[in-house]
Amino acid sequence: HCHGDDAHGDEGPDLHNLRIGDTHIALLIKSGIKGDMPSFEKK
């Protein structure tokens, strides 16, 4: 709903060719980004 069904971005950024590590991706999903992305740790 934020990154687009094809992950090319919409409200959130394009997620293709990410240049961050898996641990960082997991941390972002868990913790979110204040004011930009919710935390999904409870979900």
PDB file of all heavy atoms in Angstrom:
ATOM      1  N   HIS A   1       0.818  -1.214   0.000  1.00  0.00           N
ATOM      2  CA  HIS A   1       0.000   0.000   0.000  1.00  0.00           C
ATOM      3  C   HIS A   1       0.858   1.273   0.000  1.00  0.00           C
ATOM      4  O   HIS A   1       0.397   2.312  -0.451  1.00  0.00           O
ATOM      5  CB  HIS A   1      -1.015  -0.007   1.155  1.00  0.00           C
ATOM      6  CG  HIS A   1      -0.406   0.009   2.510  1.00  0.00           C
ATOM      7  ND1 HIS A   1       0.074  -1.129   3.119  1.00  0.00           N
ATOM      8  CD2 HIS A   1      -0.189   1.024   3.368  1.00  0.00           C
ATOM      9  CE1 HIS A   1       0.554  -0.799   4.304  1.00  0.00           C
ATOM     10  NE2 HIS A   1       0.413   0.491   4.473  1.00  0.00           N
ATOM     11  N   CYS A   2       2.100   1.193   0.455  1.00  0.00           N
ATOM     12  CA  CYS A   2       2.998   2.355   0.392  1.00  0.00           C
ATOM     13  C   CYS A   2       4.088   2.216  -0.674  1.00  0.00           C
ATOM     14  O   CYS A   2       4.464   3.199  -1.305  1.00  0.00           O
ATOM     15  CB  CYS A   2       3.669   2.587   1.742  1.00  0.00           C
ATOM     16  SG  CYS A   2       2.553   3.226   3.005  1.00  0.00           S
ATOM     17  N   HIS A   3       4.597   1.004  -0.840  1.00  0.00           N
ATOM     18  CA  HIS A   3       5.710   0.795  -1.768  1.00  0.00           C
ATOM     19  C   HIS A   3       5.247   0.355  -3.150  1.00  0.00           C
ATOM     20  O   HIS A   3       6.080   0.190  -4.046  1.00  0.00           O
ATOM     21  CB  HIS A   3       6.683  -0.239  -1.195  1.00  0.00           C
ATOM     22  CG  HIS A   3       7.389   0.250   0.032  1.00  0.00           C
ATOM     23  ND1 HIS A   3       8.447   1.135  -0.002  1.00  0.00           N
ATOM     24  CD2 HIS A   3       7.162   0.000   1.350  1.00  0.00           C
ATOM     25  CE1 HIS A   3       8.846   1.393   1.221  1.00  0.00           C
ATOM     26  NE2 HIS A   3       8.086   0.718   2.068  1.00  0.00           N
ATOM     27  N   GLY A   4       3.947   0.162  -3.331  1.00  0.00           N
ATOM     28  CA  GLY A   4       3.400  -0.277  -4.612  1.00  0.00           C
ATOM     29  C   GLY A   4       3.430  -1.790  -4.733  1.00  0.00           C
ATOM     30  O   GLY A   4       4.312  -2.450  -4.186  1.00  0.00           O
ATOM     31  N   ASP A   5       2.455  -2.335  -5.438  1.00  0.00           N
ATOM     32  CA  ASP A   5       2.355  -3.788  -5.610  1.00  0.00           C
ATOM     33  C   ASP A   5       3.602  -4.351  -6.278  1.00  0.00           C
ATOM     34  O   ASP A   5       4.016  -5.465  -6.002  1.00  0.00           O
ATOM     35  CB  ASP A   5       1.107  -4.135  -6.428  1.00  0.00           C
ATOM     36  CG  ASP A   5       0.904  -5.626  -6.557  1.00  0.00           C
ATOM     37  OD1 ASP A   5       0.933  -6.323  -5.517  1.00  0.00           O
ATOM     38  OD2 ASP A   5       0.741  -6.110  -7.690  1.00  0.00           O
ATOM     39  N   ASP A   6       4.218  -3.560  -7.136  1.00  0.00           N
ATOM     40  CA  ASP A   6       5.430  -4.012  -7.827  1.00  0.00           C
ATOM     41  C   ASP A   6       6.705  -3.542  -7.116  1.00  0.00           C
ATOM     42  O   ASP A   6       7.800  -3.746  -7.608  1.00  0.00           O
ATOM     43  CB  ASP A   6       5.424  -3.525  -9.270  1.00  0.00           C
ATOM     44  CG  ASP A   6       5.352  -2.003  -9.380  1.00  0.00           C
ATOM     45  OD1 ASP A   6       5.342  -1.302  -8.335  1.00  0.00           O
ATOM     46  OD2 ASP A   6       5.298  -1.508 -10.513  1.00  0.00           O
ATOM     47  N   ALA A   7       6.555  -2.895  -5.961  1.00  0.00           N
ATOM     48  CA  ALA A   7       7.656  -2.398  -5.125  1.00  0.00           C
ATOM     49  C   ALA A   7       8.478  -1.309  -5.802  1.00  0.00           C
ATOM     50  O   ALA A   7       9.595  -1.019  -5.372  1.00  0.00           O
ATOM     51  CB  ALA A   7       8.544  -3.541  -4.640  1.00  0.00           C
ATOM     52  N   HIS A   8       7.946  -0.682  -6.834  1.00  0.00           N
ATOM     53  CA  HIS A   8       8.658   0.417  -7.496  1.00  0.00           C
ATOM     54  C   HIS A   8       8.406   1.756  -6.819  1.00  0.00           C
ATOM     55  O   HIS A   8       8.849   2.791  -7.301  1.00  0.00           O
ATOM     56  CB  HIS A   8       8.280   0.502  -8.979  1.00  0.00           C
ATOM     57  CG  HIS A   8       9.051  -0.458  -9.828  1.00  0.00           C
ATOM     58  ND1 HIS A   8      10.405  -0.351 -10.051  1.00  0.00           N
ATOM     59  CD2 HIS A   8       8.657  -1.554 -10.503  1.00  0.00           C
ATOM     60  CE1 HIS A   8      10.817  -1.328 -10.819  1.00  0.00           C
ATOM     61  NE2 HIS A   8       9.778  -2.092 -11.108  1.00  0.00           N
ATOM     62  N   GLY A   9       7.689   1.736  -5.707  1.00  0.00           N
ATOM     63  CA  GLY A   9       7.471   2.951  -4.941  1.00  0.00           C
ATOM     64  C   GLY A   9       6.157   3.617  -5.239  1.00  0.00           C
ATOM     65  O   GLY A   9       5.589   3.458  -6.313  1.00  0.00           O
ATOM     66  N   ASP A  10       5.661   4.313  -4.257  1.00  0.00           N
ATOM     67  CA  ASP A  10       4.453   5.131  -4.343  1.00  0.00           C
ATOM     68  C   ASP A  10       4.637   6.171  -3.249  1.00  0.00           C
ATOM     69  O   ASP A  10       5.424   7.079  -3.424  1.00  0.00           O
ATOM     70  CB  ASP A  10       3.203   4.262  -4.157  1.00  0.00           C
ATOM     71  CG  ASP A  10       1.919   5.013  -4.464  1.00  0.00           C
ATOM     72  OD1 ASP A  10       1.997   6.074  -5.111  1.00  0.00           O
ATOM     73  OD2 ASP A  10       0.837   4.560  -4.054  1.00  0.00           O
ATOM     74  N   GLU A  11       3.996   5.979  -2.109  1.00  0.00           N
ATOM     75  CA  GLU A  11       4.270   6.851  -0.968  1.00  0.00           C
ATOM     76  C   GLU A  11       5.651   6.536  -0.392  1.00  0.00           C
ATOM     77  O   GLU A  11       6.361   7.414   0.053  1.00  0.00           O
ATOM     78  CB  GLU A  11       3.219   6.653   0.121  1.00  0.00           C
ATOM     79  CG  GLU A  11       1.845   7.160  -0.240  1.00  0.00           C
ATOM     80  CD  GLU A  11       0.849   6.863   0.857  1.00  0.00           C
ATOM     81  OE1 GLU A  11       1.215   6.962   2.047  1.00  0.00           O
ATOM     82  OE2 GLU A  11      -0.292   6.526   0.528  1.00  0.00           O
ATOM     83  N   GLY A  12       5.995   5.254  -0.395  1.00  0.00           N
ATOM     84  CA  GLY A  12       7.306   4.807   0.074  1.00  0.00           C
ATOM     85  C   GLY A  12       8.251   4.652  -1.109  1.00  0.00           C
ATOM     86  O   GLY A  12       7.823   4.642  -2.261  1.00  0.00           O
ATOM     87  N   PRO A  13       9.541   4.495  -0.843  1.00  0.00           N
ATOM     88  CA  PRO A  13      10.526   4.417  -1.919  1.00  0.00           C
ATOM     89  C   PRO A  13      10.496   3.100  -2.692  1.00  0.00           C
ATOM     90  O   PRO A  13       9.949   2.103  -2.235  1.00  0.00           O
ATOM     91  CB  PRO A  13      11.858   4.577  -1.191  1.00  0.00           C
ATOM     92  CG  PRO A  13      11.596   4.103   0.186  1.00  0.00           C
ATOM     93  CD  PRO A  13      10.165   4.455   0.479  1.00  0.00           C
ATOM     94  N   ASP A  14      11.118   3.119  -3.854  1.00  0.00           N
ATOM     95  CA  ASP A  14      11.348   1.932  -4.677  1.00  0.00           C
ATOM     96  C   ASP A  14      12.238   0.973  -3.881  1.00  0.00           C
ATOM     97  O   ASP A  14      13.227   1.386  -3.276  1.00  0.00           O
ATOM     98  CB  ASP A  14      12.061   2.369  -5.964  1.00  0.00           C
ATOM     99  CG  ASP A  14      12.231   1.263  -6.984  1.00  0.00           C
ATOM    100  OD1 ASP A  14      12.291   0.076  -6.601  1.00  0.00           O
ATOM    101  OD2 ASP A  14      12.332   1.588  -8.177  1.00  0.00           O
ATOM    102  N   LEU A  15      11.881  -0.306  -3.866  1.00  0.00           N
ATOM    103  CA  LEU A  15      12.636  -1.293  -3.103  1.00  0.00           C
ATOM    104  C   LEU A  15      13.452  -2.237  -3.973  1.00  0.00           C
ATOM    105  O   LEU A  15      13.963  -3.241  -3.496  1.00  0.00           O
ATOM    106  CB  LEU A  15      11.678  -2.094  -2.206  1.00  0.00           C
ATOM    107  CG  LEU A  15      10.929  -1.255  -1.171  1.00  0.00           C
ATOM    108  CD1 LEU A  15       9.943  -2.117  -0.403  1.00  0.00           C
ATOM    109  CD2 LEU A  15      11.885  -0.540  -0.232  1.00  0.00           C
ATOM    110  N   HIS A  16      13.612  -1.904  -5.234  1.00  0.00           N
ATOM    111  CA  HIS A  16      14.434  -2.710  -6.134  1.00  0.00           C
ATOM    112  C   HIS A  16      15.913  -2.362  -5.932  1.00  0.00           C
ATOM    113  O   HIS A  16      16.259  -1.212  -5.648  1.00  0.00           O
ATOM    114  CB  HIS A  16      14.039  -2.455  -7.596  1.00  0.00           C
ATOM    115  CG  HIS A  16      12.717  -3.046  -7.939  1.00  0.00           C
ATOM    116  ND1 HIS A  16      11.536  -2.473  -7.542  1.00  0.00           N
ATOM    117  CD2 HIS A  16      12.395  -4.165  -8.604  1.00  0.00           C
ATOM    118  CE1 HIS A  16      10.529  -3.218  -7.971  1.00  0.00           C
ATOM    119  NE2 HIS A  16      11.030  -4.253  -8.619  1.00  0.00           N
ATOM    120  N   ASN A  17      16.763  -3.370  -6.091  1.00  0.00           N
ATOM    121  CA  ASN A  17      18.224  -3.181  -6.012  1.00  0.00           C
ATOM    122  C   ASN A  17      18.672  -2.479  -4.728  1.00  0.00           C
ATOM    123  O   ASN A  17      19.482  -1.556  -4.764  1.00  0.00           O
ATOM    124  CB  ASN A  17      18.727  -2.407  -7.232  1.00  0.00           C
ATOM    125  CG  ASN A  17      18.432  -3.127  -8.517  1.00  0.00           C
ATOM    126  OD1 ASN A  17      18.686  -4.313  -8.637  1.00  0.00           O
ATOM    127  ND2 ASN A  17      17.869  -2.423  -9.478  1.00  0.00           N
ATOM    128  N   LEU A  18      18.139  -2.931  -3.596  1.00  0.00           N
ATOM    129  CA  LEU A  18      18.517  -2.324  -2.318  1.00  0.00           C
ATOM    130  C   LEU A  18      20.001  -2.500  -2.068  1.00  0.00           C
ATOM    131  O   LEU A  18      20.573  -3.563  -2.340  1.00  0.00           O
ATOM    132  CB  LEU A  18      17.723  -2.957  -1.180  1.00  0.00           C
ATOM    133  CG  LEU A  18      16.236  -2.642  -1.181  1.00  0.00           C
ATOM    134  CD1 LEU A  18      15.527  -3.459  -0.095  1.00  0.00           C
ATOM    135  CD2 LEU A  18      15.990  -1.162  -0.978  1.00  0.00           C
ATOM    136  N   ARG A  19      20.623  -1.456  -1.551  1.00  0.00           N
ATOM    137  CA  ARG A  19      22.067  -1.485  -1.307  1.00  0.00           C
ATOM    138  C   ARG A  19      22.376  -1.454   0.186  1.00  0.00           C
ATOM    139  O   ARG A  19      23.389  -0.876   0.596  1.00  0.00           O
ATOM    140  CB  ARG A  19      22.725  -0.314  -2.014  1.00  0.00           C
ATOM    141  CG  ARG A  19      22.645  -0.479  -3.513  1.00  0.00           C
ATOM    142  CD  ARG A  19      23.526   0.504  -4.223  1.00  0.00           C
ATOM    143  NE  ARG A  19      23.581   0.165  -5.621  1.00  0.00           N
ATOM    144  CZ  ARG A  19      23.253   0.995  -6.590  1.00  0.00           C
ATOM    145  NH1 ARG A  19      22.870   2.222  -6.315  1.00  0.00           N
ATOM    146  NH2 ARG A  19      23.329   0.597  -7.839  1.00  0.00           N
ATOM    147  N   ILE A  20      21.487  -2.064   0.964  1.00  0.00           N
ATOM    148  CA  ILE A  20      21.716  -2.192   2.405  1.00  0.00           C
ATOM    149  C   ILE A  20      21.658  -3.679   2.737  1.00  0.00           C
ATOM    150  O   ILE A  20      21.081  -4.475   2.000  1.00  0.00           O
ATOM    151  CB  ILE A  20      20.688  -1.389   3.233  1.00  0.00           C
ATOM    152  CG1 ILE A  20      19.263  -1.846   2.948  1.00  0.00           C
ATOM    153  CG2 ILE A  20      20.838   0.109   2.981  1.00  0.00           C
ATOM    154  CD1 ILE A  20      18.210  -1.202   3.838  1.00  0.00           C
ATOM    155  N   GLY A  21      22.258  -4.040   3.850  1.00  0.00           N
ATOM    156  CA  GLY A  21      22.314  -5.437   4.248  1.00  0.00           C
ATOM    157  C   GLY A  21      20.987  -5.964   4.773  1.00  0.00           C
ATOM    158  O   GLY A  21      20.094  -5.190   5.148  1.00  0.00           O
ATOM    159  N   ASP A  22      20.890  -7.280   4.826  1.00  0.00           N
ATOM    160  CA  ASP A  22      19.673  -7.932   5.310  1.00  0.00           C
ATOM    161  C   ASP A  22      19.351  -7.551   6.750  1.00  0.00           C
ATOM    162  O   ASP A  22      18.188  -7.376   7.107  1.00  0.00           O
ATOM    163  CB  ASP A  22      19.792  -9.449   5.185  1.00  0.00           C
ATOM    164  CG  ASP A  22      19.803  -9.923   3.742  1.00  0.00           C
ATOM    165  OD1 ASP A  22      19.657  -9.081   2.824  1.00  0.00           O
ATOM    166  OD2 ASP A  22      19.955 -11.135   3.531  1.00  0.00           O
ATOM    167  N   THR A  23      20.378  -7.416   7.587  1.00  0.00           N
ATOM    168  CA  THR A  23      20.159  -7.036   8.983  1.00  0.00           C
ATOM    169  C   THR A  23      19.550  -5.646   9.067  1.00  0.00           C
ATOM    170  O   THR A  23      18.635  -5.407   9.864  1.00  0.00           O
ATOM    171  CB  THR A  23      21.487  -7.084   9.766  1.00  0.00           C
ATOM    172  OG1 THR A  23      22.025  -8.400   9.657  1.00  0.00           O
ATOM    173  CG2 THR A  23      21.292  -6.720  11.216  1.00  0.00           C
ATOM    174  N   HIS A  24      19.993  -4.740   8.223  1.00  0.00           N
ATOM    175  CA  HIS A  24      19.461  -3.380   8.201  1.00  0.00           C
ATOM    176  C   HIS A  24      18.012  -3.387   7.698  1.00  0.00           C
ATOM    177  O   HIS A  24      17.158  -2.678   8.240  1.00  0.00           O
ATOM    178  CB  HIS A  24      20.342  -2.487   7.337  1.00  0.00           C
ATOM    179  CG  HIS A  24      20.037  -1.030   7.478  1.00  0.00           C
ATOM    180  ND1 HIS A  24      20.641  -0.086   6.709  1.00  0.00           N
ATOM    181  CD2 HIS A  24      19.193  -0.344   8.280  1.00  0.00           C
ATOM    182  CE1 HIS A  24      20.176   1.115   7.024  1.00  0.00           C
ATOM    183  NE2 HIS A  24      19.297   0.976   7.981  1.00  0.00           N
ATOM    184  N   ILE A  25      17.732  -4.176   6.667  1.00  0.00           N
ATOM    185  CA  ILE A  25      16.361  -4.297   6.167  1.00  0.00           C
ATOM    186  C   ILE A  25      15.440  -4.793   7.285  1.00  0.00           C
ATOM    187  O   ILE A  25      14.371  -4.226   7.532  1.00  0.00           O
ATOM    188  CB  ILE A  25      16.288  -5.236   4.948  1.00  0.00           C
ATOM    189  CG1 ILE A  25      17.006  -4.620   3.756  1.00  0.00           C
ATOM    190  CG2 ILE A  25      14.830  -5.545   4.588  1.00  0.00           C
ATOM    191  CD1 ILE A  25      17.196  -5.568   2.580  1.00  0.00           C
ATOM    192  N   ALA A  26      15.877  -5.851   7.989  1.00  0.00           N
ATOM    193  CA  ALA A  26      15.070  -6.417   9.075  1.00  0.00           C
ATOM    194  C   ALA A  26      14.833  -5.380  10.169  1.00  0.00           C
ATOM    195  O   ALA A  26      13.714  -5.253  10.695  1.00  0.00           O
ATOM    196  CB  ALA A  26      15.752  -7.654   9.650  1.00  0.00           C
ATOM    197  N   LEU A  27      15.852  -4.612  10.514  1.00  0.00           N
ATOM    198  CA  LEU A  27      15.722  -3.576  11.529  1.00  0.00           C
ATOM    199  C   LEU A  27      14.712  -2.513  11.099  1.00  0.00           C
ATOM    200  O   LEU A  27      13.882  -2.074  11.901  1.00  0.00           O
ATOM    201  CB  LEU A  27      17.081  -2.938  11.815  1.00  0.00           C
ATOM    202  CG  LEU A  27      17.089  -1.823  12.851  1.00  0.00           C
ATOM    203  CD1 LEU A  27      16.691  -2.369  14.209  1.00  0.00           C
ATOM    204  CD2 LEU A  27      18.472  -1.187  12.915  1.00  0.00           C
ATOM    205  N   LEU A  28      14.759  -2.103   9.839  1.00  0.00           N
ATOM    206  CA  LEU A  28      13.809  -1.114   9.338  1.00  0.00           C
ATOM    207  C   LEU A  28      12.374  -1.639   9.376  1.00  0.00           C
ATOM    208  O   LEU A  28      11.451  -0.908   9.733  1.00  0.00           O
ATOM    209  CB  LEU A  28      14.173  -0.683   7.917  1.00  0.00           C
ATOM    210  CG  LEU A  28      15.426   0.162   7.779  1.00  0.00           C
ATOM    211  CD1 LEU A  28      15.776   0.360   6.307  1.00  0.00           C
ATOM    212  CD2 LEU A  28      15.257   1.494   8.479  1.00  0.00           C
ATOM    213  N   ILE A  29      12.188  -2.905   9.003  1.00  0.00           N
ATOM    214  CA  ILE A  29      10.844  -3.492   9.038  1.00  0.00           C
ATOM    215  C   ILE A  29      10.348  -3.555  10.481  1.00  0.00           C
ATOM    216  O   ILE A  29       9.209  -3.174  10.767  1.00  0.00           O
ATOM    217  CB  ILE A  29      10.833  -4.892   8.389  1.00  0.00           C
ATOM    218  CG1 ILE A  29      11.136  -4.787   6.892  1.00  0.00           C
ATOM    219  CG2 ILE A  29       9.468  -5.570   8.605  1.00  0.00           C
ATOM    220  CD1 ILE A  29      11.407  -6.130   6.211  1.00  0.00           C
ATOM    221  N   LYS A  30      11.203  -4.009  11.391  1.00  0.00           N
ATOM    222  CA  LYS A  30      10.810  -4.128  12.797  1.00  0.00           C
ATOM    223  C   LYS A  30      10.552  -2.773  13.442  1.00  0.00           C
ATOM    224  O   LYS A  30       9.543  -2.570  14.113  1.00  0.00           O
ATOM    225  CB  LYS A  30      11.901  -4.840  13.602  1.00  0.00           C
ATOM    226  CG  LYS A  30      11.916  -6.319  13.459  1.00  0.00           C
ATOM    227  CD  LYS A  30      12.975  -6.901  14.394  1.00  0.00           C
ATOM    228  CE  LYS A  30      12.936  -8.402  14.362  1.00  0.00           C
ATOM    229  NZ  LYS A  30      13.881  -8.982  15.323  1.00  0.00           N
ATOM    230  N   SER A  31      11.472  -1.856  13.268  1.00  0.00           N
ATOM    231  CA  SER A  31      11.436  -0.589  13.996  1.00  0.00           C
ATOM    232  C   SER A  31      10.710   0.524  13.272  1.00  0.00           C
ATOM    233  O   SER A  31      10.263   1.484  13.902  1.00  0.00           O
ATOM    234  CB  SER A  31      12.862  -0.122  14.288  1.00  0.00           C
ATOM    235  OG  SER A  31      13.552  -1.118  15.000  1.00  0.00           O
ATOM    236  N   GLY A  32      10.639   0.437  11.957  1.00  0.00           N
ATOM    237  CA  GLY A  32      10.054   1.522  11.186  1.00  0.00           C
ATOM    238  C   GLY A  32      11.003   2.702  11.088  1.00  0.00           C
ATOM    239  O   GLY A  32      12.157   2.638  11.527  1.00  0.00           O
ATOM    240  N   ILE A  33      10.502   3.789  10.533  1.00  0.00           N
ATOM    241  CA  ILE A  33      11.263   5.032  10.419  1.00  0.00           C
ATOM    242  C   ILE A  33      10.343   6.132  10.914  1.00  0.00           C
ATOM    243  O   ILE A  33       9.281   6.383  10.319  1.00  0.00           O
ATOM    244  CB  ILE A  33      11.684   5.308   8.960  1.00  0.00           C
ATOM    245  CG1 ILE A  33      12.541   4.165   8.423  1.00  0.00           C
ATOM    246  CG2 ILE A  33      12.419   6.651   8.862  1.00  0.00           C
ATOM    247  CD1 ILE A  33      12.800   4.242   6.930  1.00  0.00           C
ATOM    248  N   LYS A  34      10.716   6.774  12.008  1.00  0.00           N
ATOM    249  CA  LYS A  34       9.856   7.767  12.650  1.00  0.00           C
ATOM    250  C   LYS A  34       9.364   8.802  11.639  1.00  0.00           C
ATOM    251  O   LYS A  34      10.142   9.429  10.936  1.00  0.00           O
ATOM    252  CB  LYS A  34      10.607   8.452  13.781  1.00  0.00           C
ATOM    253  CG  LYS A  34       9.720   9.349  14.601  1.00  0.00           C
ATOM    254  CD  LYS A  34      10.426   9.897  15.802  1.00  0.00           C
ATOM    255  CE  LYS A  34       9.448  10.725  16.605  1.00  0.00           C
ATOM    256  NZ  LYS A  34       9.978  11.102  17.890  1.00  0.00           N
ATOM    257  N   GLY A  35       8.056   8.926  11.552  1.00  0.00           N
ATOM    258  CA  GLY A  35       7.433   9.895  10.665  1.00  0.00           C
ATOM    259  C   GLY A  35       7.302   9.442   9.220  1.00  0.00           C
ATOM    260  O   GLY A  35       6.649  10.104   8.427  1.00  0.00           O
ATOM    261  N   ASP A  36       7.930   8.309   8.853  1.00  0.00           N
ATOM    262  CA  ASP A  36       7.897   7.849   7.461  1.00  0.00           C
ATOM    263  C   ASP A  36       7.328   6.442   7.282  1.00  0.00           C
ATOM    264  O   ASP A  36       6.649   6.171   6.302  1.00  0.00           O
ATOM    265  CB  ASP A  36       9.299   7.875   6.844  1.00  0.00           C
ATOM    266  CG  ASP A  36       9.791   9.272   6.556  1.00  0.00           C
ATOM    267  OD1 ASP A  36       8.963  10.139   6.215  1.00  0.00           O
ATOM    268  OD2 ASP A  36      11.005   9.501   6.669  1.00  0.00           O
ATOM    269  N   MET A  37       7.652   5.534   8.204  1.00  0.00           N
ATOM    270  CA  MET A  37       7.248   4.135   8.042  1.00  0.00           C
ATOM    271  C   MET A  37       6.910   3.559   9.410  1.00  0.00           C
ATOM    272  O   MET A  37       7.685   3.717  10.357  1.00  0.00           O
ATOM    273  CB  MET A  37       8.392   3.344   7.409  1.00  0.00           C
ATOM    274  CG  MET A  37       8.110   1.878   7.222  1.00  0.00           C
ATOM    275  SD  MET A  37       9.520   1.084   6.416  1.00  0.00           S
ATOM    276  CE  MET A  37       9.444  -0.525   7.186  1.00  0.00           C
ATOM    277  N   PRO A  38       5.760   2.873   9.514  1.00  0.00           N
ATOM    278  CA  PRO A  38       5.404   2.287  10.810  1.00  0.00           C
ATOM    279  C   PRO A  38       6.277   1.080  11.142  1.00  0.00           C
ATOM    280  O   PRO A  38       6.881   0.460  10.262  1.00  0.00           O
ATOM    281  CB  PRO A  38       3.948   1.848  10.603  1.00  0.00           C
ATOM    282  CG  PRO A  38       3.835   1.598   9.145  1.00  0.00           C
ATOM    283  CD  PRO A  38       4.751   2.608   8.492  1.00  0.00           C
ATOM    284  N   SER A  39       6.314   0.746  12.414  1.00  0.00           N
ATOM    285  CA  SER A  39       6.984  -0.467  12.872  1.00  0.00           C
ATOM    286  C   SER A  39       6.076  -1.662  12.604  1.00  0.00           C
ATOM    287  O   SER A  39       4.868  -1.591  12.790  1.00  0.00           O
ATOM    288  CB  SER A  39       7.242  -0.366  14.382  1.00  0.00           C
ATOM    289  OG  SER A  39       7.584  -1.627  14.904  1.00  0.00           O
ATOM    290  N   PHE A  40       6.667  -2.767  12.183  1.00  0.00           N
ATOM    291  CA  PHE A  40       5.901  -3.989  11.945  1.00  0.00           C
ATOM    292  C   PHE A  40       6.301  -5.088  12.930  1.00  0.00           C
ATOM    293  O   PHE A  40       5.970  -6.254  12.736  1.00  0.00           O
ATOM    294  CB  PHE A  40       6.091  -4.456  10.498  1.00  0.00           C
ATOM    295  CG  PHE A  40       5.368  -3.588   9.516  1.00  0.00           C
ATOM    296  CD1 PHE A  40       6.027  -2.548   8.880  1.00  0.00           C
ATOM    297  CD2 PHE A  40       4.020  -3.781   9.248  1.00  0.00           C
ATOM    298  CE1 PHE A  40       5.359  -1.729   7.981  1.00  0.00           C
ATOM    299  CE2 PHE A  40       3.345  -2.967   8.357  1.00  0.00           C
ATOM    300  CZ  PHE A  40       4.008  -1.939   7.723  1.00  0.00           C
ATOM    301  N   GLU A  41       6.987  -4.709  14.006  1.00  0.00           N
ATOM    302  CA  GLU A  41       7.466  -5.683  14.989  1.00  0.00           C
ATOM    303  C   GLU A  41       6.326  -6.468  15.637  1.00  0.00           C
ATOM    304  O   GLU A  41       6.457  -7.660  15.887  1.00  0.00           O
ATOM    305  CB  GLU A  41       8.282  -4.970  16.061  1.00  0.00           C
ATOM    306  CG  GLU A  41       8.926  -5.901  17.047  1.00  0.00           C
ATOM    307  CD  GLU A  41       9.926  -5.195  17.930  1.00  0.00           C
ATOM    308  OE1 GLU A  41       9.746  -3.990  18.199  1.00  0.00           O
ATOM    309  OE2 GLU A  41      10.891  -5.851  18.340  1.00  0.00           O
ATOM    310  N   LYS A  42       5.188  -5.821  15.883  1.00  0.00           N
ATOM    311  CA  LYS A  42       4.059  -6.509  16.514  1.00  0.00           C
ATOM    312  C   LYS A  42       3.235  -7.306  15.505  1.00  0.00           C
ATOM    313  O   LYS A  42       2.520  -8.222  15.885  1.00  0.00           O
ATOM    314  CB  LYS A  42       3.167  -5.507  17.238  1.00  0.00           C
ATOM    315  CG  LYS A  42       3.850  -4.901  18.441  1.00  0.00           C
ATOM    316  CD  LYS A  42       2.966  -3.935  19.172  1.00  0.00           C
ATOM    317  CE  LYS A  42       3.720  -3.356  20.363  1.00  0.00           C
ATOM    318  NZ  LYS A  42       2.946  -2.345  21.062  1.00  0.00           N
ATOM    319  N   LYS A  43       3.339  -6.979  14.238  1.00  0.00           N
ATOM    320  CA  LYS A  43       2.560  -7.660  13.208  1.00  0.00           C
ATOM    321  C   LYS A  43       3.289  -8.875  12.639  1.00  0.00           C
ATOM    322  O   LYS A  43       2.664  -9.868  12.289  1.00  0.00           O
ATOM    323  CB  LYS A  43       2.219  -6.684  12.077  1.00  0.00           C
ATOM    324  CG  LYS A  43       1.341  -7.285  11.013  1.00  0.00           C
ATOM    325  CD  LYS A  43       0.882  -6.254  10.008  1.00  0.00           C
ATOM    326  CE  LYS A  43      -0.054  -6.897   8.996  1.00  0.00           C
ATOM    327  NZ  LYS A  43      -0.575  -5.933   8.044  1.00  0.00           N
TER     328      LYS A  43
END
